[in-house]
Structures are given as C-alpha cells and as structure tokens.
C-alpha cells in the first residue's frame, strides 16, 4: 500500500494513505472510537497495576498513565458532546484482539509481552493522531490531536523503559521485533469500518 511517511520507532510499517482518507471522511466515528481507545488504555494500565502490585516502578509509573488516559477520555468525550455524538458501543477491529493473542500466558513472559504490546499500541496511536493532526480539515480538532501526540509518544517510551527495567535489552529487542511484525500484519488490510486502529 502507498504510504505517506516513514515508520516511527517500534513500528515496522507506516500507516497507509487509505487509512488517512477513510479516517478524514469519518471523523465522528473516529472520535467515538478514540473515546473507547482512551478508556481501554486506562484500563490496561490499571490491570497491570492490579496484576503486579509489588512491582514498585511499574505501579507508580502506570498510575500516572492511567490518570492521563482518563483525562484524555474526558477530553475526547467533550468533543463528542460538542458534535452531538452519543457514547455508544462499537465493534472492535481485529487489531487489539490480534495483539492480545500474542501475549504468552506464563510469567515472566506475560509481563514482557503485556508491556511491549501496550507500547506498540501507544506508538501506533502516536503515529495516527499525528496523521489526523496533519490532515484534519477542521483546525481546532487538528490542534486537539496535535496536543495529544506528545502524550502518546511519552507513553510508548514509558512501556519500553519498563520492559527494559525488568528484562535484559536483547530479550526485549528480540520480542519487540516479533510483536511489531504481527502488529504491522494486522494493519496490512484496511478494516472496512473506520477505527483508530483499523
């Protein structure tokens, strides 16, 4: 597929122009899905805190991320209110479930995979919010997306840092490459329904 920018760190393939065109044509749907993404991101951070309560650095770091994701959730919901879009369930694209299926069940592999999958999702979110900021025809909404980009970049860096805190660098790098391959494959075919990760 034709692409419009070079891959950012951790991502093996950049997003295609087809996704950008689909997203810009369906901004209301993208906003609604974005709300779901922020809520899920907060939930992922909280779930890791509950699963690994004795990992002090993880708990302290992800507490801040969960709080920030909930703030973003509220900000996106304010945009939905402004546009008259009601909160509603959406069928998820295969992306999240496909990545979650890669998480190994036994420790310590489960912790490593959970951190790296979260980091990949945040990296892709950073990239796609940047694309929305660059191509959105509504200046105020584009500015909103631009403002969220830095947070997403910081978040994927934090998940990487946590992974390298608890595991040696070669192990992290090798597993990240394996998961990044799956991540790119999951996005190789554009999902017919507009989503942040379609």
N, C-alpha and C. Protein backbone atom coordinates (compact mmCIF):
# COMPACT_ATOMS: atom_id res chain seq x y z
N UNK A 1 0.85 -1.20 0.00
CA UNK A 1 0.00 0.00 0.00
C UNK A 1 0.88 1.24 0.00
N UNK A 2 0.41 2.28 -0.62
CA UNK A 2 1.14 3.54 -0.64
C UNK A 2 1.14 4.15 0.76
N UNK A 3 2.29 4.64 1.17
CA UNK A 3 2.40 5.24 2.49
C UNK A 3 2.80 6.69 2.37
N UNK A 4 2.63 7.44 3.47
CA UNK A 4 2.85 8.87 3.41
C UNK A 4 3.94 9.34 4.35
N UNK A 5 4.53 8.47 5.12
CA UNK A 5 5.63 8.88 5.98
C UNK A 5 6.44 7.66 6.38
N UNK A 6 7.62 7.92 6.90
CA UNK A 6 8.48 6.82 7.35
C UNK A 6 7.96 6.27 8.67
N UNK A 7 8.23 4.98 8.92
CA UNK A 7 7.79 4.41 10.19
C UNK A 7 8.44 5.12 11.37
N UNK A 8 7.70 5.26 12.45
CA UNK A 8 8.29 5.80 13.66
C UNK A 8 8.86 4.65 14.48
N UNK A 9 9.62 4.99 15.50
CA UNK A 9 10.30 3.99 16.31
C UNK A 9 9.32 2.93 16.80
N UNK A 10 9.72 1.69 16.75
CA UNK A 10 8.98 0.49 17.16
C UNK A 10 8.05 -0.04 16.07
N UNK A 11 7.62 0.78 15.13
CA UNK A 11 6.67 0.33 14.12
C UNK A 11 7.41 -0.09 12.86
N UNK A 12 7.06 -1.26 12.33
CA UNK A 12 7.78 -1.76 11.15
C UNK A 12 7.25 -1.16 9.85
N UNK A 13 5.98 -0.78 9.84
CA UNK A 13 5.39 -0.21 8.62
C UNK A 13 4.60 1.04 8.98
N UNK A 14 4.71 2.09 8.15
CA UNK A 14 3.90 3.28 8.39
C UNK A 14 2.45 3.07 7.95
N UNK A 15 1.59 3.90 8.46
CA UNK A 15 0.18 3.86 8.08
C UNK A 15 0.00 4.27 6.62
N UNK A 16 -0.96 3.67 5.96
CA UNK A 16 -1.21 3.94 4.54
C UNK A 16 -2.08 5.18 4.36
N UNK A 17 -2.00 5.75 3.15
CA UNK A 17 -2.87 6.87 2.81
C UNK A 17 -4.34 6.43 2.85
N UNK A 18 -4.61 5.16 2.57
CA UNK A 18 -6.00 4.68 2.58
C UNK A 18 -6.63 4.87 3.95
N UNK A 19 -5.87 4.59 5.03
CA UNK A 19 -6.42 4.80 6.37
C UNK A 19 -6.70 6.28 6.61
N UNK A 20 -5.76 7.13 6.22
CA UNK A 20 -5.95 8.57 6.44
C UNK A 20 -7.21 9.05 5.73
N UNK A 21 -7.39 8.64 4.49
CA UNK A 21 -8.57 9.06 3.73
C UNK A 21 -9.85 8.55 4.39
N UNK A 22 -9.83 7.30 4.83
CA UNK A 22 -11.00 6.72 5.49
C UNK A 22 -11.31 7.48 6.78
N UNK A 23 -10.28 7.78 7.56
CA UNK A 23 -10.48 8.46 8.85
C UNK A 23 -11.03 9.87 8.65
N UNK A 24 -10.45 10.62 7.72
CA UNK A 24 -10.89 12.01 7.49
C UNK A 24 -12.33 12.06 7.00
N UNK A 25 -12.74 11.05 6.25
CA UNK A 25 -14.12 11.00 5.76
C UNK A 25 -15.11 10.58 6.84
N UNK A 26 -14.60 10.09 7.97
CA UNK A 26 -15.46 9.56 9.04
C UNK A 26 -15.01 10.06 10.41
N UNK A 27 -14.83 11.37 10.53
CA UNK A 27 -14.25 11.93 11.75
C UNK A 27 -15.10 11.66 12.98
N UNK A 28 -16.43 11.69 12.85
CA UNK A 28 -17.28 11.42 14.01
C UNK A 28 -17.07 10.00 14.53
N UNK A 29 -16.99 9.04 13.62
CA UNK A 29 -16.76 7.66 14.01
C UNK A 29 -15.38 7.48 14.63
N UNK A 30 -14.39 8.17 14.07
CA UNK A 30 -13.04 8.11 14.61
C UNK A 30 -13.00 8.68 16.02
N UNK A 31 -13.71 9.78 16.25
CA UNK A 31 -13.77 10.37 17.59
C UNK A 31 -14.41 9.41 18.59
N UNK A 32 -15.48 8.77 18.18
CA UNK A 32 -16.15 7.83 19.08
C UNK A 32 -15.22 6.66 19.40
N UNK A 33 -14.54 6.16 18.38
CA UNK A 33 -13.60 5.06 18.63
C UNK A 33 -12.43 5.54 19.49
N UNK A 34 -12.00 6.77 19.28
CA UNK A 34 -10.92 7.33 20.08
C UNK A 34 -11.30 7.34 21.56
N UNK A 35 -12.56 7.65 21.85
CA UNK A 35 -13.04 7.60 23.23
C UNK A 35 -12.86 6.21 23.81
N UNK A 36 -13.26 5.20 23.04
CA UNK A 36 -13.09 3.82 23.50
C UNK A 36 -11.62 3.48 23.72
N UNK A 37 -10.75 3.97 22.82
CA UNK A 37 -9.32 3.67 22.93
C UNK A 37 -8.72 4.25 24.21
N UNK A 38 -9.09 5.48 24.55
CA UNK A 38 -8.55 6.10 25.77
C UNK A 38 -9.04 5.36 27.01
N UNK A 39 -10.29 4.96 27.00
CA UNK A 39 -10.83 4.21 28.14
C UNK A 39 -10.12 2.87 28.28
N UNK A 40 -9.92 2.19 27.17
CA UNK A 40 -9.23 0.89 27.21
C UNK A 40 -7.78 1.05 27.66
N UNK A 41 -7.12 2.12 27.22
CA UNK A 41 -5.73 2.35 27.60
C UNK A 41 -5.61 2.56 29.11
N UNK A 42 -6.56 3.30 29.68
CA UNK A 42 -6.56 3.46 31.14
C UNK A 42 -6.78 2.12 31.82
N UNK A 43 -7.67 1.32 31.27
CA UNK A 43 -7.95 0.00 31.84
C UNK A 43 -6.76 -0.93 31.78
N UNK A 44 -6.01 -0.88 30.69
CA UNK A 44 -4.81 -1.72 30.56
C UNK A 44 -3.80 -1.36 31.65
N UNK A 45 -3.57 -0.06 31.84
CA UNK A 45 -2.62 0.38 32.87
C UNK A 45 -3.08 -0.08 34.25
N UNK A 46 -4.36 0.07 34.54
CA UNK A 46 -4.89 -0.35 35.84
C UNK A 46 -4.79 -1.86 36.02
N UNK A 47 -5.07 -2.61 34.98
CA UNK A 47 -4.98 -4.07 35.07
C UNK A 47 -3.56 -4.52 35.39
N UNK A 48 -2.58 -3.85 34.79
CA UNK A 48 -1.19 -4.20 35.08
C UNK A 48 -0.83 -3.86 36.53
N UNK A 49 -1.36 -2.76 37.03
CA UNK A 49 -1.13 -2.39 38.43
C UNK A 49 -1.70 -3.46 39.36
N UNK A 50 -2.89 -3.93 39.06
CA UNK A 50 -3.51 -4.96 39.90
C UNK A 50 -2.78 -6.30 39.78
N UNK A 51 -2.25 -6.59 38.59
CA UNK A 51 -1.59 -7.89 38.39
C UNK A 51 -0.20 -7.93 39.01
N UNK A 52 0.47 -6.77 39.04
CA UNK A 52 1.85 -6.74 39.55
C UNK A 52 1.98 -5.69 40.66
N UNK A 53 1.25 -5.84 41.75
CA UNK A 53 1.21 -4.80 42.78
C UNK A 53 2.52 -4.60 43.54
N UNK A 54 3.43 -5.59 43.49
CA UNK A 54 4.69 -5.46 44.21
C UNK A 54 5.80 -4.87 43.34
N UNK A 55 5.50 -4.60 42.07
CA UNK A 55 6.50 -4.00 41.17
C UNK A 55 6.39 -2.48 41.29
N UNK A 56 7.19 -1.92 42.19
CA UNK A 56 7.02 -0.53 42.60
C UNK A 56 7.10 0.45 41.43
N UNK A 57 8.14 0.32 40.60
CA UNK A 57 8.29 1.27 39.50
C UNK A 57 7.11 1.17 38.53
N UNK A 58 6.69 -0.06 38.25
CA UNK A 58 5.54 -0.26 37.35
C UNK A 58 4.30 0.40 37.93
N UNK A 59 4.03 0.18 39.20
CA UNK A 59 2.81 0.71 39.83
C UNK A 59 2.81 2.24 39.78
N UNK A 60 3.93 2.84 40.17
CA UNK A 60 3.98 4.30 40.20
C UNK A 60 3.88 4.91 38.81
N UNK A 61 4.57 4.30 37.87
CA UNK A 61 4.57 4.83 36.51
C UNK A 61 3.20 4.69 35.85
N UNK A 62 2.60 3.51 35.98
CA UNK A 62 1.33 3.26 35.30
C UNK A 62 0.16 3.93 36.00
N UNK A 63 0.30 4.28 37.27
CA UNK A 63 -0.73 5.08 37.92
C UNK A 63 -0.86 6.43 37.21
N UNK A 64 0.27 7.03 36.89
CA UNK A 64 0.26 8.32 36.18
C UNK A 64 -0.32 8.17 34.78
N UNK A 65 0.04 7.08 34.11
CA UNK A 65 -0.50 6.86 32.76
C UNK A 65 -2.01 6.67 32.80
N UNK A 66 -2.50 5.87 33.75
CA UNK A 66 -3.94 5.64 33.85
C UNK A 66 -4.68 6.96 34.07
N UNK A 67 -4.13 7.81 34.92
CA UNK A 67 -4.76 9.10 35.18
C UNK A 67 -4.79 9.95 33.91
N UNK A 68 -3.69 9.95 33.18
CA UNK A 68 -3.62 10.76 31.97
C UNK A 68 -4.57 10.23 30.89
N UNK A 69 -4.64 8.90 30.77
CA UNK A 69 -5.55 8.31 29.78
C UNK A 69 -7.01 8.67 30.11
N UNK A 70 -7.34 8.69 31.40
CA UNK A 70 -8.71 9.07 31.79
C UNK A 70 -8.97 10.54 31.50
N UNK A 71 -7.95 11.39 31.65
CA UNK A 71 -8.10 12.80 31.27
C UNK A 71 -8.36 12.92 29.77
N UNK A 72 -7.64 12.15 28.99
CA UNK A 72 -7.85 12.17 27.54
C UNK A 72 -9.24 11.64 27.19
N UNK A 73 -9.66 10.61 27.89
CA UNK A 73 -11.01 10.06 27.72
C UNK A 73 -12.06 11.16 27.91
N UNK A 74 -11.89 11.95 28.96
CA UNK A 74 -12.83 13.04 29.23
C UNK A 74 -12.75 14.11 28.15
N UNK A 75 -11.55 14.42 27.69
CA UNK A 75 -11.40 15.44 26.64
C UNK A 75 -12.05 15.00 25.34
N UNK A 76 -11.85 13.74 24.97
CA UNK A 76 -12.49 13.24 23.74
C UNK A 76 -14.01 13.25 23.91
N UNK A 77 -14.48 12.88 25.09
CA UNK A 77 -15.93 12.87 25.33
C UNK A 77 -16.52 14.29 25.24
N UNK A 78 -15.75 15.29 25.62
CA UNK A 78 -16.21 16.67 25.46
C UNK A 78 -16.36 17.02 23.98
N UNK A 79 -15.44 16.52 23.16
CA UNK A 79 -15.59 16.71 21.71
C UNK A 79 -16.84 16.01 21.19
N UNK A 80 -17.10 14.81 21.69
CA UNK A 80 -18.32 14.11 21.27
C UNK A 80 -19.56 14.92 21.64
N UNK A 81 -19.57 15.47 22.84
CA UNK A 81 -20.71 16.30 23.26
C UNK A 81 -20.89 17.49 22.33
N UNK A 82 -19.80 18.15 22.00
CA UNK A 82 -19.87 19.33 21.13
C UNK A 82 -20.45 18.98 19.77
N UNK A 83 -20.18 17.78 19.30
CA UNK A 83 -20.63 17.38 17.97
C UNK A 83 -21.95 16.61 18.02
N UNK A 84 -22.51 16.46 19.23
CA UNK A 84 -23.79 15.78 19.35
C UNK A 84 -23.71 14.29 19.12
N UNK A 85 -22.57 13.69 19.45
CA UNK A 85 -22.37 12.26 19.25
C UNK A 85 -22.53 11.56 20.59
N UNK A 86 -23.46 10.64 20.67
CA UNK A 86 -23.70 9.93 21.92
C UNK A 86 -22.67 8.82 22.10
N UNK A 87 -22.26 8.59 23.36
CA UNK A 87 -21.42 7.44 23.64
C UNK A 87 -22.19 6.17 23.28
N UNK A 88 -21.53 5.28 22.59
CA UNK A 88 -22.19 4.06 22.14
C UNK A 88 -21.13 2.99 21.90
N UNK A 89 -21.52 1.73 22.03
CA UNK A 89 -20.56 0.66 21.75
C UNK A 89 -20.21 0.61 20.27
N UNK A 90 -19.01 0.15 19.99
CA UNK A 90 -18.56 -0.07 18.62
C UNK A 90 -17.96 -1.46 18.52
N UNK A 91 -18.16 -2.10 17.40
CA UNK A 91 -17.49 -3.38 17.20
C UNK A 91 -15.99 -3.11 17.02
N UNK A 92 -15.15 -3.84 17.77
CA UNK A 92 -13.72 -3.57 17.66
C UNK A 92 -13.13 -4.15 16.38
N UNK A 93 -12.09 -3.51 15.83
CA UNK A 93 -11.37 -4.12 14.71
C UNK A 93 -10.54 -5.29 15.24
N UNK A 94 -9.97 -6.10 14.36
CA UNK A 94 -9.19 -7.27 14.80
C UNK A 94 -7.89 -6.91 15.52
N UNK A 95 -7.48 -5.67 15.45
CA UNK A 95 -6.16 -5.23 15.91
C UNK A 95 -5.88 -5.59 17.38
N UNK A 96 -6.71 -5.11 18.28
CA UNK A 96 -6.46 -5.31 19.71
C UNK A 96 -6.45 -6.77 20.10
N UNK A 97 -7.45 -7.51 19.64
CA UNK A 97 -7.53 -8.94 19.97
C UNK A 97 -6.37 -9.70 19.35
N UNK A 98 -5.97 -9.28 18.14
CA UNK A 98 -4.85 -9.95 17.48
C UNK A 98 -3.55 -9.78 18.24
N UNK A 99 -3.33 -8.58 18.78
CA UNK A 99 -2.13 -8.36 19.58
C UNK A 99 -2.23 -9.05 20.94
N UNK A 100 -3.38 -8.98 21.55
CA UNK A 100 -3.56 -9.62 22.86
C UNK A 100 -3.33 -11.13 22.77
N UNK A 101 -3.68 -11.72 21.64
CA UNK A 101 -3.49 -13.15 21.46
C UNK A 101 -2.01 -13.55 21.45
N UNK A 102 -1.13 -12.57 21.22
CA UNK A 102 0.30 -12.85 21.21
C UNK A 102 0.91 -12.88 22.60
N UNK A 103 0.17 -12.41 23.61
CA UNK A 103 0.71 -12.34 24.96
C UNK A 103 0.78 -13.76 25.55
N UNK A 104 1.96 -14.17 25.90
CA UNK A 104 2.15 -15.52 26.44
C UNK A 104 1.56 -15.61 27.85
N UNK A 105 1.15 -16.79 28.25
CA UNK A 105 0.36 -16.95 29.47
C UNK A 105 1.20 -17.04 30.74
N UNK A 106 2.42 -17.49 30.63
CA UNK A 106 3.21 -17.76 31.82
C UNK A 106 4.22 -16.65 32.08
N UNK A 107 4.43 -16.39 33.36
CA UNK A 107 5.42 -15.38 33.76
C UNK A 107 6.84 -15.95 33.66
N UNK A 108 7.84 -15.11 33.40
CA UNK A 108 7.73 -13.65 33.26
C UNK A 108 7.39 -13.19 31.85
N UNK A 109 7.16 -14.16 30.93
CA UNK A 109 6.87 -13.79 29.54
C UNK A 109 5.62 -12.92 29.44
N UNK A 110 4.66 -13.22 30.30
CA UNK A 110 3.40 -12.47 30.24
C UNK A 110 3.62 -10.99 30.51
N UNK A 111 4.43 -10.67 31.49
CA UNK A 111 4.72 -9.27 31.80
C UNK A 111 5.42 -8.60 30.63
N UNK A 112 6.44 -9.24 30.10
CA UNK A 112 7.18 -8.65 28.97
C UNK A 112 6.25 -8.38 27.80
N UNK A 113 5.46 -9.37 27.42
CA UNK A 113 4.58 -9.21 26.27
C UNK A 113 3.52 -8.15 26.52
N UNK A 114 2.99 -8.09 27.74
CA UNK A 114 1.97 -7.09 28.06
C UNK A 114 2.53 -5.68 27.92
N UNK A 115 3.75 -5.47 28.40
CA UNK A 115 4.37 -4.15 28.29
C UNK A 115 4.66 -3.79 26.84
N UNK A 116 5.16 -4.73 26.06
CA UNK A 116 5.52 -4.43 24.68
C UNK A 116 4.29 -4.26 23.80
N UNK A 117 3.25 -5.05 24.00
CA UNK A 117 2.02 -4.85 23.24
C UNK A 117 1.44 -3.47 23.54
N UNK A 118 1.43 -3.09 24.81
CA UNK A 118 0.93 -1.76 25.16
C UNK A 118 1.77 -0.67 24.51
N UNK A 119 3.09 -0.87 24.49
CA UNK A 119 3.96 0.10 23.86
C UNK A 119 3.72 0.23 22.37
N UNK A 120 3.50 -0.90 21.70
CA UNK A 120 3.21 -0.87 20.26
C UNK A 120 1.90 -0.14 19.97
N UNK A 121 0.88 -0.40 20.77
CA UNK A 121 -0.40 0.27 20.56
C UNK A 121 -0.25 1.77 20.75
N UNK A 122 0.49 2.17 21.79
CA UNK A 122 0.71 3.60 22.03
C UNK A 122 1.53 4.23 20.89
N UNK A 123 2.50 3.49 20.36
CA UNK A 123 3.30 4.01 19.24
C UNK A 123 2.43 4.23 18.01
N UNK A 124 1.56 3.27 17.73
CA UNK A 124 0.66 3.42 16.58
C UNK A 124 -0.33 4.55 16.82
N UNK A 125 -0.81 4.70 18.04
CA UNK A 125 -1.70 5.81 18.35
C UNK A 125 -1.01 7.15 18.12
N UNK A 126 0.24 7.24 18.57
CA UNK A 126 1.02 8.46 18.36
C UNK A 126 1.12 8.78 16.88
N UNK A 127 1.45 7.78 16.09
CA UNK A 127 1.57 7.99 14.64
C UNK A 127 0.25 8.44 14.03
N UNK A 128 -0.83 7.79 14.40
CA UNK A 128 -2.10 8.08 13.74
C UNK A 128 -2.72 9.39 14.22
N UNK A 129 -2.54 9.74 15.47
CA UNK A 129 -3.00 11.06 15.91
C UNK A 129 -2.23 12.15 15.19
N UNK A 130 -0.95 11.90 14.93
CA UNK A 130 -0.16 12.85 14.16
C UNK A 130 -0.68 13.00 12.73
N UNK A 131 -1.09 11.90 12.13
CA UNK A 131 -1.67 11.96 10.79
C UNK A 131 -3.00 12.71 10.79
N UNK A 132 -3.80 12.48 11.82
CA UNK A 132 -5.06 13.21 11.92
C UNK A 132 -4.79 14.70 12.12
N UNK A 133 -3.79 15.02 12.93
CA UNK A 133 -3.45 16.43 13.15
C UNK A 133 -3.02 17.10 11.84
N UNK A 134 -2.29 16.35 11.02
CA UNK A 134 -1.75 16.92 9.78
C UNK A 134 -2.80 17.04 8.69
N UNK A 135 -3.81 16.17 8.70
CA UNK A 135 -4.74 16.10 7.57
C UNK A 135 -6.18 16.51 7.90
N UNK A 136 -6.49 16.68 9.19
CA UNK A 136 -7.85 17.03 9.56
C UNK A 136 -8.22 18.40 9.01
N UNK A 137 -9.35 18.51 8.31
CA UNK A 137 -9.73 19.80 7.71
C UNK A 137 -10.29 20.80 8.73
N UNK A 138 -10.51 20.37 9.96
CA UNK A 138 -11.04 21.26 11.00
C UNK A 138 -9.88 21.70 11.89
N UNK A 139 -9.48 22.96 11.81
CA UNK A 139 -8.27 23.42 12.52
C UNK A 139 -8.30 23.16 14.03
N UNK A 140 -9.43 23.35 14.67
CA UNK A 140 -9.47 23.18 16.11
C UNK A 140 -9.32 21.71 16.50
N UNK A 141 -9.95 20.84 15.74
CA UNK A 141 -9.82 19.41 16.00
C UNK A 141 -8.40 18.94 15.69
N UNK A 142 -7.82 19.47 14.62
CA UNK A 142 -6.43 19.12 14.29
C UNK A 142 -5.50 19.53 15.43
N UNK A 143 -5.74 20.69 16.01
CA UNK A 143 -4.92 21.15 17.13
C UNK A 143 -5.06 20.24 18.34
N UNK A 144 -6.29 19.76 18.56
CA UNK A 144 -6.53 18.83 19.66
C UNK A 144 -5.70 17.56 19.48
N UNK A 145 -5.73 17.01 18.27
CA UNK A 145 -4.94 15.80 18.01
C UNK A 145 -3.45 16.07 18.18
N UNK A 146 -3.01 17.23 17.72
CA UNK A 146 -1.60 17.58 17.85
C UNK A 146 -1.19 17.62 19.32
N UNK A 147 -2.08 18.12 20.16
CA UNK A 147 -1.79 18.21 21.58
C UNK A 147 -1.67 16.86 22.26
N UNK A 148 -2.37 15.84 21.72
CA UNK A 148 -2.30 14.51 22.31
C UNK A 148 -1.09 13.70 21.85
N UNK A 149 -0.47 14.12 20.77
CA UNK A 149 0.63 13.34 20.19
C UNK A 149 1.79 13.14 21.17
N UNK A 150 2.15 14.21 21.86
CA UNK A 150 3.30 14.13 22.76
C UNK A 150 3.05 13.12 23.88
N UNK A 151 1.82 13.08 24.37
CA UNK A 151 1.49 12.13 25.43
C UNK A 151 1.65 10.70 24.94
N UNK A 152 1.15 10.43 23.75
CA UNK A 152 1.24 9.07 23.22
C UNK A 152 2.70 8.66 23.02
N UNK A 153 3.52 9.60 22.55
CA UNK A 153 4.94 9.29 22.36
C UNK A 153 5.59 8.98 23.71
N UNK A 154 5.26 9.76 24.71
CA UNK A 154 5.82 9.52 26.04
C UNK A 154 5.35 8.17 26.58
N UNK A 155 4.09 7.83 26.33
CA UNK A 155 3.56 6.58 26.85
C UNK A 155 4.27 5.37 26.25
N UNK A 156 4.49 5.38 24.95
CA UNK A 156 5.14 4.19 24.40
C UNK A 156 6.59 4.11 24.85
N UNK A 157 7.21 5.26 25.09
CA UNK A 157 8.55 5.25 25.66
C UNK A 157 8.57 4.69 27.07
N UNK A 158 7.53 4.99 27.84
CA UNK A 158 7.45 4.50 29.22
C UNK A 158 7.29 2.98 29.25
N UNK A 159 6.45 2.44 28.37
CA UNK A 159 6.28 0.98 28.35
C UNK A 159 7.59 0.29 27.95
N UNK A 160 8.33 0.90 27.02
CA UNK A 160 9.64 0.35 26.64
C UNK A 160 10.59 0.40 27.83
N UNK A 161 10.62 1.53 28.52
CA UNK A 161 11.51 1.68 29.67
C UNK A 161 11.19 0.66 30.76
N UNK A 162 9.90 0.45 31.00
CA UNK A 162 9.52 -0.55 31.99
C UNK A 162 9.98 -1.95 31.56
N UNK A 163 9.82 -2.26 30.28
CA UNK A 163 10.25 -3.57 29.79
C UNK A 163 11.75 -3.76 30.03
N UNK A 164 12.53 -2.71 29.76
CA UNK A 164 13.98 -2.83 29.93
C UNK A 164 14.39 -2.71 31.40
N UNK A 165 13.48 -2.31 32.26
CA UNK A 165 13.74 -2.33 33.70
C UNK A 165 13.69 -3.75 34.25
N UNK A 166 12.73 -4.53 33.74
CA UNK A 166 12.51 -5.87 34.28
C UNK A 166 13.14 -6.99 33.45
N UNK A 167 13.62 -6.66 32.23
CA UNK A 167 14.19 -7.67 31.34
C UNK A 167 15.44 -7.10 30.68
N UNK A 168 16.36 -7.99 30.24
CA UNK A 168 17.57 -7.50 29.59
C UNK A 168 17.25 -7.00 28.19
N UNK A 169 18.05 -6.06 27.74
CA UNK A 169 17.79 -5.37 26.47
C UNK A 169 17.69 -6.32 25.27
N UNK A 170 18.60 -7.28 25.08
CA UNK A 170 18.47 -8.17 23.92
C UNK A 170 17.14 -8.95 23.90
N UNK A 171 16.69 -9.40 25.07
CA UNK A 171 15.41 -10.13 25.15
C UNK A 171 14.26 -9.22 24.74
N UNK A 172 14.29 -7.99 25.24
CA UNK A 172 13.23 -7.02 24.91
C UNK A 172 13.23 -6.71 23.42
N UNK A 173 14.41 -6.46 22.88
CA UNK A 173 14.52 -6.08 21.46
C UNK A 173 14.03 -7.20 20.55
N UNK A 174 14.44 -8.43 20.85
CA UNK A 174 14.02 -9.55 20.01
C UNK A 174 12.50 -9.74 20.05
N UNK A 175 11.92 -9.68 21.24
CA UNK A 175 10.48 -9.89 21.35
C UNK A 175 9.71 -8.73 20.73
N UNK A 176 10.23 -7.53 20.87
CA UNK A 176 9.57 -6.38 20.26
C UNK A 176 9.52 -6.52 18.75
N UNK A 177 10.60 -7.00 18.15
CA UNK A 177 10.61 -7.20 16.70
C UNK A 177 9.56 -8.22 16.28
N UNK A 178 9.43 -9.29 17.05
CA UNK A 178 8.42 -10.32 16.73
C UNK A 178 7.01 -9.74 16.83
N UNK A 179 6.75 -8.99 17.88
CA UNK A 179 5.41 -8.43 18.07
C UNK A 179 5.13 -7.32 17.06
N UNK A 180 6.15 -6.55 16.71
CA UNK A 180 5.95 -5.48 15.73
C UNK A 180 5.61 -6.04 14.35
N UNK A 181 6.15 -7.21 14.04
CA UNK A 181 5.80 -7.87 12.78
C UNK A 181 4.31 -8.21 12.76
N UNK A 182 3.82 -8.77 13.85
CA UNK A 182 2.40 -9.10 13.95
C UNK A 182 1.56 -7.83 13.88
N UNK A 183 2.00 -6.78 14.57
CA UNK A 183 1.25 -5.51 14.58
C UNK A 183 1.08 -4.97 13.17
N UNK A 184 2.15 -4.99 12.39
CA UNK A 184 2.06 -4.50 11.01
C UNK A 184 1.17 -5.38 10.15
N UNK A 185 1.26 -6.69 10.36
CA UNK A 185 0.42 -7.61 9.58
C UNK A 185 -1.06 -7.38 9.87
N UNK A 186 -1.38 -7.07 11.12
CA UNK A 186 -2.78 -6.84 11.49
C UNK A 186 -3.36 -5.61 10.79
N UNK A 187 -2.49 -4.67 10.42
CA UNK A 187 -2.96 -3.45 9.76
C UNK A 187 -2.73 -3.47 8.25
N UNK A 188 -2.23 -4.58 7.74
CA UNK A 188 -1.88 -4.65 6.32
C UNK A 188 -3.11 -4.50 5.43
N UNK A 189 -4.25 -4.98 5.89
CA UNK A 189 -5.50 -4.84 5.15
C UNK A 189 -6.40 -3.87 5.90
N UNK A 190 -6.84 -2.82 5.23
CA UNK A 190 -7.67 -1.80 5.87
C UNK A 190 -9.01 -2.39 6.31
N UNK A 191 -9.32 -2.23 7.59
CA UNK A 191 -10.61 -2.69 8.11
C UNK A 191 -11.72 -1.84 7.49
N UNK A 192 -12.84 -2.45 7.07
CA UNK A 192 -13.88 -1.66 6.38
C UNK A 192 -14.56 -0.61 7.26
N UNK A 193 -14.50 -0.79 8.58
CA UNK A 193 -15.13 0.17 9.47
C UNK A 193 -14.07 1.12 10.03
N UNK A 194 -14.29 2.43 9.95
CA UNK A 194 -13.27 3.38 10.39
C UNK A 194 -12.98 3.26 11.89
N UNK A 195 -11.73 3.07 12.21
CA UNK A 195 -11.29 2.96 13.60
C UNK A 195 -9.90 3.56 13.71
N UNK A 196 -9.51 3.96 14.93
CA UNK A 196 -8.15 4.45 15.15
C UNK A 196 -7.13 3.38 14.75
N UNK A 197 -7.43 2.14 15.08
CA UNK A 197 -6.52 1.04 14.76
C UNK A 197 -7.16 0.08 13.78
N UNK A 198 -7.60 0.61 12.64
CA UNK A 198 -8.23 -0.25 11.63
C UNK A 198 -7.29 -0.51 10.47
